[in-house]
Protein backbone atom coordinates (compact mmCIF):
# COMPACT_ATOMS: atom_id res chain seq x y z
CA MET A 1 11.39 23.14 -73.82
CA ILE A 2 10.59 19.87 -75.50
CA SER A 3 7.08 18.39 -75.49
CA ARG A 4 5.82 14.88 -74.80
CA PRO A 5 4.34 13.07 -77.84
CA ALA A 6 7.45 12.39 -79.91
CA LEU A 7 9.26 10.84 -76.98
CA LEU A 8 6.62 8.20 -76.56
CA ILE A 9 7.17 7.24 -80.18
CA ALA A 10 10.94 7.55 -80.14
CA LEU A 11 11.86 5.46 -77.12
CA MET A 12 10.49 3.86 -74.03
CA ILE A 13 10.37 6.16 -71.03
CA VAL A 14 9.27 5.04 -67.61
CA ILE A 15 8.68 7.37 -64.68
CA VAL A 16 8.66 5.43 -61.44
CA GLY A 17 7.42 7.18 -58.33
CA CYS A 18 4.44 8.59 -56.52
CA SER A 19 3.12 11.03 -59.13
CA SER A 20 0.16 9.85 -61.15
CA LYS A 21 0.01 13.11 -63.09
CA SER A 22 3.66 13.26 -64.13
CA THR A 23 4.34 12.59 -67.77
CA SER A 24 7.44 12.41 -69.89
CA PRO A 25 9.16 15.08 -71.96
CA LYS A 26 9.91 14.62 -75.64
CA THR A 27 13.23 13.84 -77.26
CA ASP A 28 14.53 13.26 -80.76
CA ALA A 29 14.45 9.88 -82.46
CA LYS A 30 16.75 7.19 -81.07
CA ALA A 31 20.37 7.76 -81.97
CA ASP A 32 22.51 5.61 -84.21
CA ALA A 33 25.39 3.71 -82.62
CA SER A 34 28.24 6.03 -81.70
CA PRO A 35 31.80 5.59 -80.37
CA SER A 36 32.50 3.59 -77.23
CA ASP A 37 32.53 6.56 -74.90
CA SER A 38 29.09 7.93 -75.78
CA ILE A 39 25.57 6.94 -74.70
CA ALA A 40 24.26 5.91 -78.13
CA THR A 41 22.08 2.78 -78.02
CA ASN A 42 24.00 -0.48 -78.11
CA ASP A 43 22.00 -3.70 -78.45
CA THR A 44 24.95 -5.88 -77.45
CA GLU A 45 24.33 -7.46 -74.07
CA THR A 46 26.92 -8.89 -71.72
CA LYS A 47 27.83 -12.56 -71.83
CA ALA A 48 25.81 -13.19 -68.66
CA GLU A 49 22.76 -11.58 -70.23
CA ALA A 50 23.17 -13.73 -73.31
CA GLU A 51 23.20 -16.83 -71.13
CA THR A 52 20.18 -15.64 -69.11
CA PRO A 53 17.98 -13.36 -71.25
CA PHE A 54 17.19 -10.10 -69.50
CA VAL A 55 13.58 -8.99 -69.44
CA PHE A 56 13.02 -5.32 -68.62
CA GLU A 57 10.36 -4.65 -65.98
CA ALA A 58 9.73 -1.24 -64.45
CA GLN A 59 9.64 -1.31 -60.66
CA ALA A 60 7.28 0.67 -58.44
CA TYR A 61 8.33 1.91 -55.02
CA GLU A 62 6.56 3.29 -51.98
CA ALA A 63 7.83 5.12 -48.93
CA SER A 64 6.33 5.98 -45.56
CA ALA A 65 5.92 9.52 -44.30
CA GLU A 66 8.66 8.86 -41.76
CA GLN A 67 11.09 7.73 -44.46
CA LEU A 68 10.40 10.71 -46.70
CA LEU A 69 10.58 13.29 -43.91
CA ALA A 70 13.86 11.78 -42.74
CA ALA A 71 15.26 12.52 -46.22
CA ARG A 72 14.83 16.28 -45.77
CA LEU A 73 17.94 18.42 -45.56
CA PRO A 74 18.79 20.88 -42.76
CA ILE A 75 17.76 24.49 -43.29
CA GLU A 76 21.44 25.51 -43.35
CA GLN A 77 21.73 23.61 -46.63
CA THR A 78 18.33 24.32 -48.17
CA THR A 79 18.66 28.09 -47.70
CA GLN A 80 21.67 27.78 -50.03
CA GLY A 81 19.49 25.96 -52.57
CA TRP A 82 20.56 22.37 -51.89
CA VAL A 83 17.94 19.71 -52.64
CA ARG A 84 17.94 15.94 -52.96
CA LEU A 85 17.41 14.52 -56.43
CA PHE A 86 16.94 11.03 -54.95
CA ASP A 87 15.02 10.48 -51.73
CA GLY A 88 16.60 7.07 -51.08
CA HIS A 89 13.30 5.17 -51.30
CA THR A 90 11.49 6.01 -54.57
CA MET A 91 12.34 7.10 -58.11
CA PHE A 92 10.08 10.13 -57.87
CA GLY A 93 11.47 12.75 -60.25
CA TRP A 94 13.43 10.27 -62.40
CA ILE A 95 12.97 8.85 -65.91
CA ILE A 96 14.33 5.50 -67.10
CA ALA A 97 15.20 6.19 -70.72
CA GLY A 98 15.67 2.63 -71.90
CA GLU A 99 15.83 -0.96 -70.72
CA ALA A 100 18.32 -1.43 -67.90
CA ASN A 101 17.47 -2.88 -64.52
CA TRP A 102 17.66 0.38 -62.58
CA ARG A 103 16.48 -0.33 -59.06
CA ILE A 104 16.84 0.80 -55.45
CA GLU A 105 19.06 -1.19 -53.09
CA ASP A 106 20.05 -0.06 -49.60
CA GLY A 107 19.27 3.58 -50.37
CA ALA A 108 21.16 3.62 -53.67
CA LEU A 109 20.23 3.64 -57.36
CA VAL A 110 21.77 0.51 -58.88
CA ALA A 111 22.04 -1.05 -62.35
CA ASP A 112 24.02 -4.02 -63.65
CA ARG A 113 22.03 -5.59 -66.50
CA GLY A 114 20.14 -4.61 -69.62
CA LYS A 115 20.71 -2.30 -72.53
CA GLU A 116 22.79 0.84 -72.38
CA CYS A 117 20.71 3.80 -71.27
CA LEU A 118 20.35 6.75 -68.95
CA LEU A 119 18.37 7.27 -65.79
CA THR A 120 17.65 11.00 -65.88
CA THR A 121 16.00 13.66 -63.80
CA SER A 122 12.66 14.92 -65.08
CA THR A 123 13.88 18.47 -64.40
CA ARG A 124 16.40 20.36 -66.53
CA TRP A 125 19.21 22.32 -64.90
CA SER A 126 21.58 24.95 -66.25
CA ASP A 127 24.21 26.34 -63.84
CA TYR A 128 24.56 24.24 -60.70
CA GLU A 129 26.69 22.29 -58.27
CA LEU A 130 26.01 18.55 -58.16
CA GLU A 131 27.37 16.21 -55.53
CA LEU A 132 26.82 12.47 -55.13
CA GLU A 133 28.47 9.24 -54.06
CA PHE A 134 29.24 6.41 -56.50
CA GLN A 135 30.54 2.87 -56.32
CA SER A 136 31.50 0.66 -59.25
CA GLU A 137 33.26 -2.54 -60.13
CA ALA A 138 36.80 -2.26 -61.51
CA ALA A 139 35.71 -2.96 -65.11
CA THR A 140 32.51 -0.88 -65.00
CA ASN A 141 31.94 1.66 -67.76
CA SER A 142 29.38 4.22 -66.63
CA GLY A 143 29.09 7.97 -66.32
CA ILE A 144 27.31 11.02 -64.98
CA PHE A 145 25.73 13.13 -67.70
CA LEU A 146 25.40 16.88 -67.15
CA ARG A 147 23.17 19.18 -69.21
CA THR A 148 22.10 16.18 -71.25
CA SER A 149 19.22 15.39 -73.54
CA ILE A 150 17.22 12.25 -72.78
CA ASP A 151 18.90 10.39 -75.65
CA PRO A 152 22.25 12.11 -76.42
CA LYS A 153 24.05 11.13 -79.60
CA ASP A 154 27.46 12.73 -79.17
CA PRO A 155 29.01 13.68 -75.79
CA ALA A 156 31.05 16.35 -77.54
CA THR A 157 27.92 18.36 -78.32
CA ASP A 158 24.78 16.82 -76.75
CA CYS A 159 25.87 16.53 -73.13
CA ILE A 160 28.80 16.76 -70.75
CA GLU A 161 29.73 13.19 -69.78
CA VAL A 162 31.82 12.74 -66.65
CA ASN A 163 33.14 9.25 -67.10
CA ILE A 164 33.33 6.32 -64.69
CA ALA A 165 35.67 3.88 -66.44
CA PRO A 166 38.89 1.84 -66.05
CA ASP A 167 42.36 3.33 -66.45
CA ASP A 168 42.75 1.96 -69.98
CA ASN A 169 39.73 3.91 -71.20
CA PRO A 170 40.60 7.04 -73.27
CA PHE A 171 38.66 8.99 -70.60
CA PRO A 172 39.04 7.16 -67.27
CA THR A 173 37.06 7.99 -64.12
CA GLY A 174 36.81 11.74 -63.58
CA GLY A 175 37.54 12.67 -67.19
CA ILE A 176 35.07 14.46 -69.44
CA VAL A 177 34.40 12.34 -72.52
CA LYS A 178 35.59 13.81 -75.84
CA ARG A 179 36.66 16.99 -74.04
CA LYS A 180 39.49 16.32 -71.53
CA LYS A 181 41.09 13.19 -70.05
CA GLY A 182 41.75 14.61 -66.60
CA GLU A 183 43.95 13.43 -63.74
CA ALA A 184 44.41 9.77 -62.84
CA PHE A 185 41.90 8.41 -60.34
CA THR A 186 43.66 6.20 -57.79
CA GLY A 187 40.77 5.34 -55.49
CA ASP A 188 39.50 1.82 -54.87
CA PRO A 189 36.57 1.37 -57.30
CA ASN A 190 34.85 -0.98 -54.87
CA GLU A 191 34.54 1.73 -52.21
CA TRP A 192 32.12 4.66 -52.13
CA HIS A 193 33.55 7.91 -53.47
CA THR A 194 32.19 11.45 -53.40
CA ILE A 195 32.18 13.28 -56.72
CA ASN A 196 31.47 17.00 -56.94
CA MET A 197 30.68 18.64 -60.29
CA VAL A 198 30.10 22.32 -61.01
CA CYS A 199 28.54 23.65 -64.20
CA ASP A 200 29.02 27.42 -64.17
CA HIS A 201 28.35 29.01 -67.56
CA GLU A 202 31.10 27.56 -69.81
CA THR A 203 33.19 26.19 -66.93
CA VAL A 204 32.82 22.57 -65.77
CA ARG A 205 34.84 21.35 -62.80
CA VAL A 206 35.07 17.77 -61.46
CA LYS A 207 36.43 16.74 -58.05
CA ILE A 208 36.54 13.25 -56.54
CA ASP A 209 37.07 12.99 -52.79
CA ASP A 210 38.08 16.69 -52.84
CA ASP A 211 40.81 16.12 -55.46
CA LEU A 212 40.51 18.13 -58.68
CA MET A 213 40.22 15.65 -61.55
CA CYS A 214 39.28 17.77 -64.53
CA GLU A 215 38.30 21.32 -65.49
CA ILE A 216 37.27 22.81 -68.81
CA ASN A 217 36.38 26.42 -69.60
CA ASP A 218 34.92 26.10 -73.08
CA ALA A 219 31.70 24.14 -72.50
CA LYS A 220 29.65 26.32 -74.81
CA SER A 221 27.25 23.52 -75.68
CA PRO A 222 24.99 22.43 -74.17
CA ARG A 223 24.14 25.02 -71.51
CA ILE A 224 20.99 23.38 -70.14
CA GLY A 225 19.71 19.83 -69.83
CA TYR A 226 18.83 16.92 -67.59
CA ILE A 227 21.14 15.19 -65.13
CA GLY A 228 21.65 11.56 -66.13
CA LEU A 229 23.19 8.42 -64.64
CA GLN A 230 24.47 5.94 -67.19
CA PHE A 231 24.34 2.17 -67.32
CA ARG A 232 26.72 0.86 -69.97
CA SER A 233 28.51 -2.23 -68.65
CA GLY A 234 29.27 -3.55 -65.18
CA LYS A 235 27.57 -2.78 -61.89
CA VAL A 236 27.27 0.84 -60.77
CA SER A 237 25.57 2.44 -57.75
CA PHE A 238 24.74 6.05 -56.87
CA ARG A 239 23.45 7.58 -53.62
CA ASN A 240 23.17 10.87 -51.69
CA ILE A 241 22.50 12.81 -54.89
CA ARG A 242 22.16 16.54 -54.20
CA VAL A 243 22.13 19.64 -56.38
CA ARG A 244 21.96 23.39 -55.87
CA PRO A 245 21.36 26.00 -58.57
CA LEU A 246 23.88 28.81 -58.82
CA GLU A 247 23.56 32.61 -58.95
CA LEU A 248 19.99 33.06 -57.77
CA GLU A 249 19.30 36.76 -57.10
CA ASP A 250 17.32 37.79 -54.03
CA MET A 251 14.41 40.07 -54.92
CA VAL A 252 13.62 41.26 -51.38
CA ASP A 253 15.12 44.57 -50.26
CA THR A 254 14.13 47.01 -47.54
CA GLU A 255 12.19 49.28 -49.92
CA LEU A 256 10.65 46.48 -52.00
CA THR A 257 11.92 48.32 -55.08
CA ARG A 258 11.27 45.36 -57.40
CA TRP A 259 7.66 44.96 -56.31
CA THR A 260 4.30 46.68 -56.76
CA ARG A 261 2.08 47.10 -53.70
CA TYR A 262 -1.71 47.17 -53.81
CA ASP A 263 -2.58 49.40 -50.87
CA ASP A 264 -6.31 49.22 -51.58
CA MET A 265 -6.36 45.51 -50.78
CA PRO A 266 -6.96 44.40 -47.16
CA GLY A 267 -4.14 43.43 -44.82
CA GLU A 268 -0.56 44.65 -44.59
CA ILE A 269 2.68 43.91 -46.37
CA ASN A 270 5.85 45.31 -44.83
CA ILE A 271 9.52 44.74 -44.07
CA ASN A 272 10.23 44.00 -40.40
CA ASP A 273 13.28 44.94 -38.31
CA GLU A 274 15.13 41.85 -39.57
CA ASN A 275 14.57 42.91 -43.21
CA HIS A 276 12.13 40.07 -43.75
CA LEU A 277 8.98 40.40 -45.84
CA VAL A 278 5.82 39.99 -43.73
CA VAL A 279 2.41 39.26 -45.25
CA ASP A 280 -0.18 39.93 -42.55
CA GLY A 281 -3.90 39.24 -43.03
CA GLY A 282 -6.38 39.91 -45.79
CA LYS A 283 -6.74 38.84 -49.42
CA GLN A 284 -3.84 40.78 -50.86
CA GLN A 285 -0.89 40.55 -53.20
CA LEU A 286 2.61 41.86 -53.78
CA GLU A 287 3.50 41.72 -57.49
CA SER A 288 6.92 41.76 -59.10
CA LYS A 289 7.64 44.52 -61.60
CA GLU A 290 9.59 42.06 -63.77
CA THR A 291 8.19 39.10 -65.65
CA PHE A 292 9.64 35.59 -65.72
CA GLY A 293 8.95 32.61 -67.97
CA ASP A 294 11.27 29.66 -67.27
CA PHE A 295 13.21 29.98 -64.03
CA THR A 296 14.41 28.50 -60.77
CA LEU A 297 13.16 30.18 -57.59
CA LEU A 298 14.18 29.71 -53.97
CA ALA A 299 12.06 31.00 -51.08
CA ASP A 300 12.53 30.74 -47.31
CA TYR A 301 9.26 31.09 -45.41
CA LYS A 302 7.98 30.80 -41.85
CA MET A 303 4.42 30.55 -40.52
CA ASP A 304 3.60 29.83 -36.86
CA ASP A 305 -0.01 28.78 -37.44
CA PRO A 306 -0.39 25.55 -39.48
CA LYS A 307 -3.63 26.94 -40.95
CA SER A 308 -1.93 30.08 -42.22
CA ASN A 309 -2.16 30.19 -46.01
CA SER A 310 0.04 31.98 -48.51
CA GLY A 311 1.30 31.26 -52.01
CA ILE A 312 3.83 32.17 -54.67
CA PHE A 313 2.10 32.83 -57.98
CA PHE A 314 4.14 32.69 -61.19
CA ARG A 315 3.58 33.45 -64.88
CA SER A 316 0.76 35.64 -63.63
CA ILE A 317 -1.14 37.98 -65.93
CA PRO A 318 0.43 41.36 -65.08
CA GLY A 319 -1.85 43.69 -63.14
CA ASP A 320 -4.54 41.07 -62.57
CA VAL A 321 -5.55 39.63 -59.20
CA MET A 322 -3.57 36.42 -58.58
CA MET A 323 -4.20 35.12 -62.10
CA GLY A 324 -1.29 32.72 -62.41
CA TYR A 325 0.03 29.32 -61.44
CA GLU A 326 0.25 28.98 -57.67
CA CYS A 327 2.97 27.26 -55.70
CA GLN A 328 1.19 26.66 -52.42
CA VAL A 329 2.66 27.83 -49.10
CA ASN A 330 0.65 26.01 -46.45
CA ASN A 331 1.71 23.46 -43.81
CA GLU A 332 -1.69 22.17 -42.72
CA ILE A 333 -2.30 18.40 -42.74
CA VAL A 334 -5.33 16.15 -42.17
CA ASN A 335 -5.53 13.78 -39.19
CA ASP A 336 -1.90 14.41 -38.27
CA ASN A 337 -0.87 12.66 -41.49
CA PRO A 338 1.75 14.51 -43.60
CA LEU A 339 0.69 12.40 -46.60
CA GLN A 340 -2.70 14.15 -46.53
CA PRO A 341 -2.33 17.88 -47.23
CA ALA A 342 -5.31 19.93 -46.11
CA ASP A 343 -4.96 22.43 -48.95
CA CYS A 344 -2.60 21.18 -51.68
CA GLY A 345 0.40 21.25 -49.31
CA ALA A 346 3.54 23.34 -49.27
CA GLY A 347 5.14 23.16 -52.71
CA GLY A 348 1.99 21.83 -54.36
CA ILE A 349 1.00 23.39 -57.68
CA PHE A 350 -2.58 24.39 -56.96
CA LYS A 351 -5.15 22.52 -59.10
CA ARG A 352 -2.35 20.81 -61.02
CA GLN A 353 -0.76 18.51 -58.44
CA ASP A 354 -0.90 18.32 -54.66
CA ALA A 355 2.34 17.86 -52.77
CA ARG A 356 2.95 14.14 -52.28
CA ILE A 357 3.81 14.95 -48.64
CA VAL A 358 3.68 18.10 -46.50
CA ALA A 359 7.37 18.57 -45.77
CA GLY A 360 7.09 22.07 -44.30
CA GLU A 361 6.45 22.65 -40.62
CA PRO A 362 4.93 25.53 -38.62
CA GLY A 363 7.12 27.54 -36.28
CA ARG A 364 10.39 27.11 -38.22
CA TRP A 365 12.09 28.33 -41.36
CA ASN A 366 11.31 26.22 -44.42
CA SER A 367 12.70 26.36 -47.96
CA ILE A 368 10.86 25.90 -51.24
CA LEU A 369 12.74 25.42 -54.52
CA LEU A 370 10.55 25.81 -57.62
CA SER A 371 11.55 24.95 -61.18
CA ALA A 372 9.32 26.18 -64.02
CA ASP A 373 10.45 25.01 -67.47
CA GLY A 374 7.91 25.13 -70.28
CA SER A 375 5.05 22.85 -69.32
CA HIS A 376 7.02 21.14 -66.54
CA PHE A 377 6.96 22.21 -62.89
CA ALA A 378 8.82 20.64 -59.97
CA THR A 379 9.16 21.69 -56.34
CA TRP A 380 11.24 20.71 -53.34
CA VAL A 381 10.39 21.58 -49.73
CA ASN A 382 13.24 21.42 -47.23
CA GLY A 383 15.27 19.53 -49.84
CA LEU A 384 12.65 16.84 -50.57
CA GLN A 385 10.93 16.77 -53.95
CA VAL A 386 7.16 16.99 -53.47
CA THR A 387 5.79 17.69 -56.99
CA ASP A 388 6.71 16.66 -60.54
CA VAL A 389 4.02 17.61 -63.02
CA TYR A 390 3.41 18.56 -66.64
CA ASP A 391 0.56 20.88 -67.63
CA ASP A 392 -0.80 19.10 -70.70
CA ARG A 393 -3.70 21.48 -71.31
CA LYS A 394 -4.01 23.57 -74.45
CA VAL A 395 -2.09 26.83 -74.50
CA ASP A 396 -4.01 29.74 -73.00
CA GLU A 397 -3.08 33.23 -71.82
CA ASN A 398 -4.83 32.52 -68.52
CA PRO A 399 -3.15 29.69 -66.55
CA ARG A 400 -6.42 28.99 -64.79
CA ARG A 401 -7.84 27.90 -68.13
CA GLY A 402 -4.84 26.32 -69.82
CA LEU A 403 -1.08 26.12 -70.28
CA ARG A 404 0.56 29.52 -70.05
CA LEU A 405 4.05 29.61 -71.53
CA ASP A 406 4.36 33.39 -71.80
CA PRO A 407 6.37 35.12 -69.07
CA GLY A 408 4.36 36.62 -66.25
CA THR A 409 4.83 38.29 -62.91
CA LEU A 410 5.47 36.75 -59.51
CA ILE A 411 2.84 37.39 -56.86
CA ILE A 412 3.21 36.82 -53.12
CA GLN A 413 -0.25 36.05 -51.78
CA GLY A 414 -2.09 36.91 -48.61
CA HIS A 415 -4.95 34.40 -48.69
CA ASP A 416 -7.31 35.68 -45.96
CA GLU A 417 -7.43 37.42 -42.58
CA THR A 418 -5.65 34.47 -40.89
CA THR A 419 -2.55 34.76 -43.09
CA LYS A 420 0.68 35.55 -41.27
CA ALA A 421 3.63 34.58 -43.41
CA THR A 422 7.22 35.75 -43.26
CA TYR A 423 9.66 35.46 -46.17
CA ARG A 424 13.37 36.10 -45.61
CA LYS A 425 14.39 35.17 -49.15
CA ILE A 426 12.77 35.12 -52.57
CA ALA A 427 15.61 34.52 -55.01
CA ILE A 428 15.31 33.72 -58.71
CA LYS A 429 17.31 33.05 -61.83
CA PRO A 430 15.88 32.64 -65.35
CA LEU A 431 16.79 29.34 -67.01
CA PHE A 432 19.34 29.53 -69.78
CA ASP A 433 17.68 30.19 -73.13
CA PRO A 434 19.61 28.75 -76.12
CA ALA A 435 18.42 31.72 -78.15
CA ASP A 436 20.57 33.95 -75.93
CA SER A 437 23.65 31.98 -76.95
CA VAL A 438 22.81 32.48 -80.62
CA GLN A 439 22.48 36.23 -80.10
CA GLU A 440 25.85 36.38 -78.30
CA THR A 441 27.65 34.82 -81.27
CA GLU A 442 26.07 37.08 -83.88
């Protein structure tokens, strides 16, 4: 995982959204100019820009509780891992890696002026399915970058670029730049089109409006990275951007074979008749036998009482009492205002960043997706991103004192005697580690 300082020197990064604590990851120095189909920095502006000089200004956006809650996804989707990368109103969770006029218009991310650059997620993804809608002018040259660095130099090695470009481009719309041209795209570029992309180990598959455009099976590099939207030339718009991680493994079974109980602690932890994990009363914990460092985790939870308090601890010191980072599981709000969590809020990272809105509700199934990648943590509740935070403290074994990067256990918490939480899924997958790829080739 890359760190922050060098990025601030290397290029201008702007995070626009609701998170005052979010900071930017680091990347390598700005790339030299590269061929026409890559993202390398190009200082040439369009003729219109030359006539009217473009001045880059970062925009700030706000959204009401009603607008954000309306952006949640149905439980039928979130239990499969689907989340929104763009809430339709703010750029929370996104990084502008350059000087293009990325903005929000009519619920879409839009750019049509400035210097060539990416708008990227602040979260890295490895194996996933990504679906979004795009619209572009006939002459637009843009792209969707998968597993990318913030400032990729060569799409053959530094990212997987799914192109949006005219027919006369060596890699027209739907092709994968420097890897495979793909089938001809015959859709009207002025209309909205749905593009579906799957990154599954070394396989990358691209469909537009359900038609297979391109597939490669040798995408050995890279295997992890950000998701980026490119401005290069011409107007381009993106909306309804959703992603789901692949191959998460459920850790809950009827015998809790992957967990350690602490029977001397108050309260009860058991599996009910529906094979759901129930945490009932008392300050107690259920600890995983395995340790995890960087990972994606999906949990479905239900609590009838809004004051009921639980949590998912991660990178915990094995065998200790809840000595880890805590992803809060609590739906209580203040003064009936979801923008005011009573206790960090569902999906909040306790004492690091409160949830920007309480998107979970009592009396129903809710989903939390948690990404832990080095010093960066991000969470989604019912498909809406609620945290985006970097732990910039000094490294320490104890995450209550500083940044813990070492793997640790998961802990499901019973907070007090009022806790009554039910979990029907706790699924996890470690993030791809480039060191594993090196070992495989040796």
